[in-house]
Amino acid sequence: MNENVFTKREMDIINEIKKAKSRKIITDALCISINTLDKHLHSIHLKTKTHSVAELMNWLYNGKA
């Protein structure tokens, strides 16, 4: 999957996830609510066909993003 498929905000979240940041730290750093983070994560999971952050991490570190 190409990075161009992700929005800028989704890429911000993906970059924070790659740094193993917690949900609380991500929401604080990006000044977004937990609900907003959940909506972005849902979109990211749909695009990557993953169902958890663990699967997403595996997807990310296998050179897909």
Protein backbone atom coordinates (compact mmCIF):
# COMPACT_ATOMS: atom_id res chain seq x y z
CA MET A 1 0.00 0.00 0.00
CA ASN A 2 1.21 3.45 -0.88
CA GLU A 3 1.62 6.17 1.76
CA ASN A 4 -0.41 8.48 -0.51
CA VAL A 5 -3.49 6.48 0.47
CA PHE A 6 -3.27 7.86 4.02
CA THR A 7 -4.31 11.37 5.00
CA LYS A 8 -1.75 13.66 6.62
CA ARG A 9 -3.37 13.10 10.02
CA GLU A 10 -3.37 9.33 9.55
CA MET A 11 0.34 9.54 8.74
CA ASP A 12 0.89 11.61 11.92
CA ILE A 13 -0.81 8.84 13.90
CA ILE A 14 1.08 6.08 12.09
CA ASN A 15 4.37 7.83 12.86
CA GLU A 16 3.45 8.03 16.54
CA ILE A 17 2.43 4.35 16.55
CA LYS A 18 5.79 3.45 15.00
CA LYS A 19 7.42 5.14 18.00
CA ALA A 20 5.34 2.85 20.28
CA LYS A 21 3.50 5.81 21.81
CA SER A 22 0.43 5.16 23.94
CA ARG A 23 -3.03 6.33 22.93
CA LYS A 24 -2.94 9.03 25.65
CA ILE A 25 0.44 10.34 24.49
CA ILE A 26 -0.71 10.36 20.85
CA THR A 27 -3.89 12.28 21.67
CA ASP A 28 -1.97 14.80 23.77
CA ALA A 29 0.78 15.26 21.18
CA LEU A 30 -1.68 15.74 18.30
CA CYS A 31 -4.25 17.71 20.36
CA ILE A 32 -7.08 15.34 19.44
CA SER A 33 -9.65 13.44 21.47
CA ILE A 34 -9.65 9.69 22.04
CA ASN A 35 -12.77 9.50 19.84
CA THR A 36 -10.97 11.27 16.99
CA LEU A 37 -7.99 8.94 17.38
CA ASP A 38 -10.34 5.95 17.29
CA LYS A 39 -11.92 7.20 14.05
CA HIS A 40 -8.51 7.65 12.43
CA LEU A 41 -7.38 4.23 13.65
CA HIS A 42 -10.53 2.67 12.24
CA SER A 43 -9.77 4.23 8.86
CA ILE A 44 -6.14 3.09 9.04
CA HIS A 45 -7.21 -0.45 9.94
CA LEU A 46 -9.63 -0.54 7.00
CA LYS A 47 -6.93 0.64 4.59
CA THR A 48 -4.36 -1.84 5.89
CA LYS A 49 -6.82 -4.70 6.46
CA THR A 50 -5.63 -5.03 10.05
CA HIS A 51 -7.73 -5.50 13.17
CA SER A 52 -5.44 -4.45 16.01
CA VAL A 53 -2.49 -2.21 16.73
CA ALA A 54 -0.31 -5.35 16.95
CA GLU A 55 -1.35 -6.36 13.42
CA LEU A 56 -0.85 -2.78 12.25
CA MET A 57 2.67 -2.71 13.74
CA ASN A 58 3.47 -5.96 11.92
CA TRP A 59 2.04 -4.48 8.69
CA LEU A 60 4.09 -1.30 9.16
CA TYR A 61 7.38 -3.07 9.90
CA ASN A 62 7.07 -5.47 6.99
CA GLY A 63 7.80 -2.53 4.70
CA LYS A 64 4.22 -1.75 3.72
CA ALA A 65 4.08 1.84 4.98
